[in-house]
Protein backbone atom coordinates (compact mmCIF):
# COMPACT_ATOMS: atom_id res chain seq x y z
CA MET A 1 25.53 -50.02 29.80
CA SER A 2 25.01 -46.38 29.10
CA GLY A 3 26.79 -44.29 26.92
CA PRO A 4 27.28 -41.81 23.94
CA VAL A 5 26.29 -43.59 20.57
CA ALA A 6 28.48 -43.21 17.82
CA VAL A 7 27.44 -41.26 14.81
CA ALA A 8 27.33 -43.94 11.69
CA TYR A 9 29.13 -42.66 8.97
CA ALA A 10 28.79 -45.49 6.26
CA ALA A 11 25.95 -47.84 6.74
CA HIS A 12 26.34 -49.78 3.82
CA PRO A 13 25.64 -53.85 4.13
CA GLY A 14 29.62 -54.54 4.10
CA VAL A 15 30.08 -52.30 7.24
CA ARG A 16 27.21 -53.77 9.22
CA LEU A 17 28.22 -57.15 8.57
CA ARG A 18 31.74 -56.46 9.25
CA SER A 19 30.75 -55.21 12.75
CA ALA A 20 28.21 -57.98 13.10
CA ALA A 21 30.80 -60.80 12.58
CA ARG A 22 33.08 -58.92 14.95
CA LEU A 23 30.65 -58.88 17.70
CA ALA A 24 29.78 -62.58 17.00
CA LEU A 25 33.69 -63.34 17.34
CA CYS A 26 34.27 -61.70 20.56
CA ALA A 27 31.40 -63.12 22.14
CA ALA A 28 32.34 -66.53 20.94
CA VAL A 29 35.55 -66.40 22.06
CA SER A 30 34.72 -65.02 25.82
CA TRP A 31 32.00 -67.94 25.84
CA TYR A 32 34.57 -70.74 24.83
CA LEU A 33 37.37 -69.32 27.36
CA CYS A 34 34.95 -69.43 30.54
CA LEU A 35 33.69 -72.97 29.45
CA TRP A 36 37.61 -74.16 29.38
CA TRP A 37 38.09 -72.48 32.69
CA GLY A 38 35.40 -73.72 34.08
CA THR A 39 33.68 -71.05 35.52
CA SER A 40 29.88 -71.87 34.84
CA THR A 41 27.96 -74.30 32.31
CA LEU A 42 26.51 -71.16 30.84
CA PRO A 43 28.75 -68.41 30.89
CA VAL A 44 26.37 -65.46 30.06
CA PRO A 45 28.13 -62.65 31.12
CA ALA A 46 31.05 -63.07 29.47
CA VAL A 47 29.19 -62.58 26.40
CA LEU A 48 27.28 -59.31 27.71
CA PRO A 49 30.38 -56.99 27.20
CA ALA A 50 30.41 -57.59 23.49
CA VAL A 51 26.84 -56.97 22.88
CA LEU A 52 26.97 -53.87 25.34
CA ILE A 53 30.01 -52.34 24.47
CA MET A 54 30.88 -53.21 20.91
CA ARG A 55 28.03 -50.78 19.85
CA GLU A 56 29.89 -47.80 20.85
CA ASP A 57 32.68 -45.86 18.82
CA VAL A 58 35.55 -48.53 18.94
CA TYR A 59 37.85 -45.45 21.06
CA ALA A 60 35.34 -45.84 23.94
CA TRP A 61 35.93 -49.05 24.19
CA PRO A 62 38.57 -49.19 27.06
CA ARG A 63 36.40 -46.50 29.08
CA LEU A 64 32.88 -48.46 28.52
CA GLY A 65 34.74 -51.84 29.73
CA ARG A 66 36.33 -49.97 32.79
CA GLN A 67 32.76 -48.31 33.74
CA ARG A 68 31.45 -52.29 32.77
CA LEU A 69 33.73 -53.69 35.32
CA ALA A 70 33.58 -51.43 38.49
CA GLY A 71 29.68 -51.35 38.11
CA VAL A 72 29.91 -55.01 38.33
CA VAL A 73 32.27 -55.26 41.01
CA VAL A 74 30.16 -52.84 43.29
CA GLY A 75 26.97 -54.64 42.42
CA VAL A 76 28.47 -58.09 43.35
CA LEU A 77 30.14 -56.57 46.75
CA LEU A 78 26.99 -54.90 47.60
CA SER A 79 24.75 -57.65 46.98
CA THR A 80 27.09 -60.17 48.65
CA VAL A 81 27.31 -57.72 52.03
CA VAL A 82 23.39 -57.60 52.30
CA LEU A 83 22.71 -61.06 51.86
CA HIS A 84 25.27 -61.77 54.49
CA TRP A 85 24.00 -59.04 57.38
CA VAL A 86 20.35 -58.76 56.41
CA PRO A 87 19.22 -62.34 55.49
CA GLU A 88 15.41 -61.66 55.87
CA PRO A 89 14.15 -61.11 52.22
CA ALA A 90 11.67 -58.27 53.64
CA TRP A 91 14.43 -56.15 54.34
CA SER A 92 17.01 -57.06 52.07
CA PHE A 93 15.46 -56.53 48.75
CA PRO A 94 14.58 -52.81 49.75
CA THR A 95 18.29 -52.71 50.83
CA VAL A 96 19.63 -53.78 47.48
CA LEU A 97 17.41 -51.72 45.55
CA VAL A 98 17.99 -48.51 47.25
CA CYS A 99 21.88 -49.07 47.58
CA GLY A 100 21.87 -50.31 43.69
CA CYS A 101 19.84 -47.32 42.91
CA ALA A 102 22.31 -44.95 44.83
CA GLY A 103 25.25 -46.59 43.54
CA MET A 104 24.08 -46.31 39.93
CA TYR A 105 23.93 -42.44 39.93
CA LEU A 106 27.12 -41.90 42.14
CA MET A 107 29.22 -44.06 39.76
CA GLY A 108 27.60 -42.89 36.76
CA ARG A 109 28.05 -39.54 34.27
CA PRO A 110 25.60 -36.87 34.18
CA GLY A 111 22.90 -38.21 32.06
CA ALA A 112 24.42 -41.56 32.12
CA PRO A 113 23.90 -43.47 35.46
CA ASN A 114 26.08 -46.87 35.82
CA GLN A 115 23.19 -49.05 35.36
CA GLN A 116 25.45 -52.12 36.09
CA VAL A 117 25.72 -51.14 39.37
CA LEU A 118 21.87 -52.25 40.06
CA ILE A 119 21.65 -54.98 37.45
CA THR A 120 24.55 -57.12 38.79
CA ALA A 121 23.07 -56.75 42.68
CA LEU A 122 19.77 -57.70 41.56
CA MET A 123 21.29 -60.66 39.79
CA VAL A 124 23.25 -61.74 42.25
CA TYR A 125 20.38 -61.40 45.02
CA ALA A 126 18.16 -63.42 42.97
CA THR A 127 20.77 -66.03 42.04
CA ALA A 128 21.25 -68.06 45.10
CA VAL A 129 24.00 -70.45 44.02
CA PRO A 130 27.20 -70.47 45.51
CA GLY A 131 29.99 -69.43 43.74
CA TYR A 132 27.93 -67.23 41.10
CA PRO A 133 29.08 -63.92 42.44
CA LEU A 134 32.41 -64.72 42.07
CA ALA A 135 31.67 -66.39 38.60
CA ARG A 136 30.18 -63.42 37.40
CA LEU A 137 32.96 -60.91 38.15
CA VAL A 138 35.29 -63.60 36.38
CA GLU A 139 33.09 -63.84 33.28
CA THR A 140 32.85 -60.04 32.99
CA LEU A 141 36.63 -59.77 33.40
CA VAL A 142 36.83 -62.08 30.53
CA GLY A 143 34.38 -60.65 27.99
CA ILE A 144 35.81 -57.25 28.65
CA ALA A 145 39.61 -58.43 28.09
CA VAL A 146 38.18 -59.83 24.84
CA VAL A 147 36.51 -56.93 23.84
CA VAL A 148 38.91 -54.25 24.65
CA LEU A 149 42.12 -56.63 23.21
CA LEU A 150 40.62 -58.59 20.40
CA GLY A 151 37.98 -56.88 19.09
CA PRO A 152 40.12 -53.66 17.87
CA LEU A 153 42.27 -56.18 15.73
CA LEU A 154 39.11 -57.50 13.50
CA TRP A 155 38.74 -54.89 10.92
CA PRO A 156 40.13 -51.98 12.68
CA PRO A 157 38.63 -48.78 11.37
CA ASP A 158 41.04 -46.45 9.20
CA PRO A 159 40.69 -42.85 11.18
CA TYR A 160 41.26 -40.69 8.01
CA ARG A 161 38.76 -42.89 5.70
CA SER A 162 36.06 -42.38 8.77
CA ALA A 163 36.07 -38.70 8.77
CA ALA A 164 35.93 -38.49 4.86
CA ALA A 165 32.99 -40.83 5.22
CA GLY A 166 31.64 -38.63 8.15
CA LEU A 167 32.24 -35.56 5.91
CA ASP A 168 30.29 -36.67 2.86
CA ALA A 169 27.41 -38.02 4.91
CA TYR A 170 26.77 -34.63 5.98
CA ARG A 171 27.32 -33.01 3.09
CA ALA A 172 24.42 -35.34 1.75
CA GLY A 173 22.33 -34.70 4.45
CA VAL A 174 22.84 -31.16 4.50
CA ARG A 175 21.92 -31.09 0.76
CA GLU A 176 18.86 -32.72 1.06
CA LEU A 177 17.75 -30.18 4.07
CA LEU A 178 18.32 -27.34 1.89
CA GLY A 179 16.48 -28.89 -0.84
CA ALA A 180 13.68 -29.61 1.39
CA ILE A 181 13.67 -25.81 2.85
CA ALA A 182 14.08 -24.05 -0.66
CA GLY A 183 10.97 -26.12 -1.82
CA ARG A 184 9.10 -25.32 1.27
CA LEU A 185 9.92 -21.70 1.01
CA GLU A 186 8.33 -21.97 -2.69
CA ARG A 187 5.10 -23.33 -1.74
CA GLY A 188 4.70 -20.69 0.70
CA PRO A 189 5.99 -21.99 4.45
CA ALA A 190 3.63 -22.44 7.01
CA ALA A 191 4.45 -22.95 10.90
CA PRO A 192 5.33 -26.55 11.31
CA GLY A 193 2.90 -28.70 12.97
CA PRO A 194 3.50 -31.19 15.84
CA ALA A 195 4.22 -34.07 13.75
CA GLU A 196 6.87 -31.99 11.68
CA ARG A 197 8.42 -30.62 14.87
CA GLU A 198 8.36 -34.31 15.94
CA GLU A 199 9.79 -35.32 12.67
CA SER A 200 12.59 -32.67 12.92
CA GLN A 201 13.89 -33.65 16.24
CA LEU A 202 14.42 -37.45 15.23
CA PRO A 203 18.41 -38.31 16.17
CA GLU A 204 18.80 -39.24 12.65
CA GLN A 205 18.05 -35.45 11.64
CA ALA A 206 19.55 -33.93 14.53
CA ARG A 207 22.70 -36.25 13.87
CA VAL A 208 23.13 -34.10 10.76
CA TRP A 209 24.76 -31.25 12.80
CA LEU A 210 26.85 -33.51 14.83
CA ARG A 211 28.84 -35.50 11.81
CA PRO A 212 31.16 -32.67 11.35
CA GLN A 213 32.60 -32.67 14.62
CA ALA A 214 32.62 -36.59 14.93
CA ALA A 215 34.44 -36.13 11.26
CA ARG A 216 37.05 -34.11 13.13
CA ASP A 217 37.52 -36.01 16.05
CA ALA A 218 38.29 -38.99 13.89
CA PHE A 219 40.91 -36.67 11.86
CA GLU A 220 42.32 -35.37 15.00
CA ARG A 221 42.87 -39.24 16.58
CA ALA A 222 45.01 -40.16 13.54
CA ALA A 223 46.65 -37.05 13.18
CA ALA A 224 47.97 -37.28 16.80
CA GLY A 225 48.72 -41.21 16.22
CA ARG A 226 45.79 -42.31 18.69
CA LEU A 227 45.35 -45.55 16.51
CA LEU A 228 44.19 -48.59 17.42
CA PRO A 229 46.33 -51.89 18.31
CA GLY A 230 47.75 -53.16 14.83
CA ARG A 231 46.55 -50.74 12.98
CA ARG A 232 49.09 -47.83 11.52
CA ALA A 233 48.20 -44.73 9.59
CA ARG A 234 48.22 -45.19 6.01
CA GLY A 235 50.14 -42.31 4.69
CA LEU A 236 49.04 -38.74 4.70
CA PRO A 237 45.17 -37.87 4.77
CA PRO A 238 43.52 -37.17 1.64
CA ASP A 239 44.51 -33.71 0.16
CA GLY A 240 42.37 -30.59 1.71
CA LEU A 241 40.35 -32.99 4.17
CA ASP A 242 41.43 -30.99 7.02
CA GLY A 243 39.80 -27.97 5.71
CA ARG A 244 37.00 -29.26 4.60
CA LEU A 245 36.30 -30.65 8.05
CA GLU A 246 36.35 -27.08 9.33
CA LEU A 247 34.25 -25.90 6.93
CA GLY A 248 31.52 -28.68 7.84
CA ILE A 249 31.96 -27.54 11.31
CA ARG A 250 30.99 -23.95 11.04
CA THR A 251 28.44 -24.50 8.19
CA ALA A 252 26.79 -26.90 10.71
CA LEU A 253 26.58 -24.32 13.11
CA THR A 254 25.31 -21.50 10.81
CA LEU A 255 22.85 -23.69 8.87
CA GLN A 256 21.39 -24.91 12.22
CA TYR A 257 20.66 -21.32 13.10
CA PHE A 258 19.23 -20.54 9.63
CA GLY A 259 16.81 -23.38 10.11
CA LEU A 260 15.66 -22.44 13.31
CA GLU A 261 15.08 -18.84 12.37
CA LEU A 262 13.30 -19.84 9.58
CA ASP A 263 10.85 -22.01 11.84
CA GLU A 264 10.35 -19.25 14.21
CA ARG A 265 9.57 -16.63 11.58
CA ALA A 266 6.89 -19.05 9.84
CA ARG A 267 5.90 -19.68 12.95
CA ARG A 268 4.94 -16.08 13.77
CA ASP A 269 3.76 -15.10 10.42
CA THR A 270 1.13 -18.22 10.50
CA PRO A 271 -2.46 -16.63 11.43
CA GLY A 272 -3.86 -19.10 14.69
CA PRO A 273 -7.31 -20.18 14.98
CA PRO A 274 -9.97 -17.23 15.78
CA ALA A 275 -10.36 -16.09 19.54
CA SER A 276 -13.81 -17.44 21.01
CA GLY A 277 -16.54 -15.59 20.09
CA ALA A 278 -15.07 -14.03 17.26
CA PRO A 279 -16.62 -13.55 14.00
CA THR A 280 -16.15 -16.24 11.40
CA ALA A 281 -16.67 -16.08 7.69
CA PRO A 282 -20.18 -17.17 6.52
CA GLU A 283 -19.84 -20.85 4.61
CA SER A 284 -21.75 -19.72 1.67
CA ASP A 285 -19.05 -17.09 0.84
CA PRO A 286 -15.82 -19.16 1.20
CA ALA A 287 -12.52 -17.20 0.21
CA PRO A 288 -11.06 -17.64 -3.26
CA GLU A 289 -8.59 -20.34 -3.61
CA SER A 290 -4.84 -18.98 -3.30
CA ALA A 291 -2.12 -20.12 -5.85
CA PRO A 292 0.53 -21.86 -4.31
CA GLY A 293 3.12 -19.49 -2.46
CA SER A 294 0.75 -16.67 -2.61
CA GLY A 295 -1.88 -15.41 -0.32
CA PRO A 296 -1.75 -13.79 3.26
CA ALA A 297 0.37 -16.89 4.42
CA ALA A 298 3.18 -16.51 1.83
CA ASP A 299 5.37 -14.00 2.81
CA PRO A 300 7.22 -12.20 -0.32
CA ALA A 301 10.59 -12.30 1.53
CA LEU A 302 10.66 -15.95 2.38
CA ARG A 303 9.80 -17.00 -1.23
CA ASP A 304 12.34 -14.87 -2.59
CA LEU A 305 14.53 -16.38 -0.79
CA ALA A 306 14.17 -20.16 -2.22
CA PRO A 307 17.02 -19.57 -4.97
CA LEU A 308 19.27 -17.88 -2.64
CA VAL A 309 18.89 -21.08 -0.45
CA ARG A 310 19.58 -23.45 -3.67
CA ALA A 311 22.68 -21.24 -4.91
CA THR A 312 23.91 -21.54 -1.09
CA ALA A 313 23.60 -25.40 -1.01
CA ALA A 314 25.55 -25.51 -4.47
CA ALA A 315 28.18 -23.36 -3.42
CA LEU A 316 28.48 -25.66 -0.03
CA ASP A 317 28.24 -28.91 -1.75
CA ALA A 318 31.04 -28.31 -4.63
CA ALA A 319 33.12 -27.03 -1.66
CA LEU A 320 32.61 -30.34 0.89
CA LEU A 321 33.71 -32.09 -2.56
CA GLY A 322 36.78 -30.40 -2.73
CA GLU A 323 35.42 -29.10 -6.17
CA GLU A 324 35.67 -25.76 -7.66
CA PHE A 325 32.77 -23.64 -6.04
CA THR A 326 33.63 -19.90 -6.35
CA ALA A 327 31.04 -19.27 -9.24
CA ASP A 328 28.25 -20.90 -7.17
CA LEU A 329 29.29 -18.64 -4.12
CA GLU A 330 29.63 -15.73 -6.28
CA ARG A 331 26.31 -16.07 -7.42
CA ALA A 332 24.62 -16.87 -4.25
CA ARG A 333 26.30 -13.74 -2.94
CA ALA A 334 24.92 -11.54 -5.75
CA LEU A 335 21.24 -13.18 -4.78
CA ASP A 336 22.13 -12.67 -1.54
CA ARG A 337 22.41 -8.47 -2.26
CA ALA A 338 19.55 -8.49 -4.51
CA HIS A 339 17.50 -10.13 -1.64
CA ARG A 340 18.51 -7.45 0.74
CA GLU A 341 17.92 -4.65 -1.35
CA ALA A 342 14.40 -5.84 -2.14
CA HIS A 343 13.84 -6.77 1.25
CA PRO A 344 15.94 -4.37 3.99
CA ALA A 345 13.73 -4.48 6.97
CA ARG A 346 15.42 -5.65 10.10
CA ARG A 347 13.47 -8.64 10.32
CA ASP A 348 14.72 -9.93 6.86
CA ALA A 349 18.01 -9.52 7.83
CA VAL A 350 18.02 -11.43 10.92
CA LEU A 351 16.75 -14.31 8.69
CA ARG A 352 19.68 -14.13 6.12
CA ALA A 353 22.10 -13.97 9.04
CA GLY A 354 22.60 -17.75 8.80
CA LEU A 355 23.30 -17.72 4.99
CA HIS A 356 25.17 -14.94 5.33
CA LEU A 357 27.47 -16.48 7.76
CA THR A 358 27.68 -19.82 5.75
CA HIS A 359 28.80 -17.40 2.54
CA ALA A 360 31.52 -16.06 5.03
CA ALA A 361 32.72 -19.32 6.04
CA LEU A 362 32.87 -20.40 2.25
CA ALA A 363 34.67 -17.35 1.47
CA ASP A 364 37.27 -18.17 4.07
CA HIS A 365 37.44 -21.49 2.65
CA ALA A 366 38.23 -20.49 -1.10
CA PRO A 367 41.79 -20.91 -2.35
CA ARG A 368 43.55 -17.58 -3.15
CA PRO A 369 45.52 -16.86 -6.29
CA GLY A 370 48.65 -16.94 -4.12
CA GLY A 371 47.88 -20.39 -2.54
CA GLY A 372 45.99 -20.96 0.78
CA SER A 373 42.64 -19.48 1.83
CA ALA A 374 41.22 -16.31 3.27
CA ALA A 375 42.23 -15.13 6.28
CA PRO A 376 39.91 -16.44 9.17
CA GLY A 377 39.83 -13.05 10.74
CA ALA A 378 38.75 -11.29 7.44
CA THR A 379 35.92 -8.93 8.11
CA PRO A 380 32.64 -9.76 6.12
CA PRO A 381 30.16 -7.23 4.58
CA SER A 382 27.34 -6.16 6.57
CA VAL A 383 24.02 -8.56 6.09
């Protein structure tokens, strides 16, 4: 069944083993409940909800269970009605297929059709066994009930801990990305090729920018008391976690903009292949090799940006850890001013804008002598 995949916060073996054990226990309980009830000798549909629903966010299990049950009910009814009124296979199969596809999209959400409608309709159509439609419906209901009622009781998540782990994963991901960007600037950036563009669009890298909001959602669930059965809030959240989550959300937007603008700048500045019929340099007189970071493809404004990126990364890393970061922020701002004086062109100001907005978010997060943080409405200096 289709649905939004949860962002994995901590992928250490203990978490993965607990998830596997939870899935296996819920699947086994569903299987043996149906055997005891006598629905069938092989109640596979009872196991499927555990496999297809428990890969999602635990808070989404009830919603996904309702969607799956609705799809099974419609699929069973569809196939039963068609087989009763249109017994001829030459007409019944196209009818089931067309109606199942229509129901799949009518009962789904934009971009996430309810595939269970068509799957159930085809399974009931292909399994000409008396009592199978009712057995599939009952076994699906048992499997969903076990997942929704028993699953959250097995190693339920701690929302505050999940939020802190999500923020730490974002911090590590951003530190790695900014370090790679700084190294690329020092070498002299070039426009990303097809392989690099494909790699930058992988879900693992795209999820870096989604982690702060996902962590914030977990924090708000705990703050609002939306806990799972059997789970009580474990006291107060870690000190300063709320503010650091807000900082993560703001900087995810500003740094994503900076990365996109940097790629666009490199793409524009990288010379393309010569036009057809244009004269090329003779092979016997090759151009002298340029040192790394020099030559026509090396923009001084981009090369001089590397220290600023590293200083910004250091300040953000310390702030997300909850440590003192004002000295790193002042150093980054000094480098920002120096870069602005050395490269005052408008296109360079646009490139610095993402980093400058990151500095503004860090300044709002910085503690003040009287306590608290800077006013969010404070006017930042011009870029």
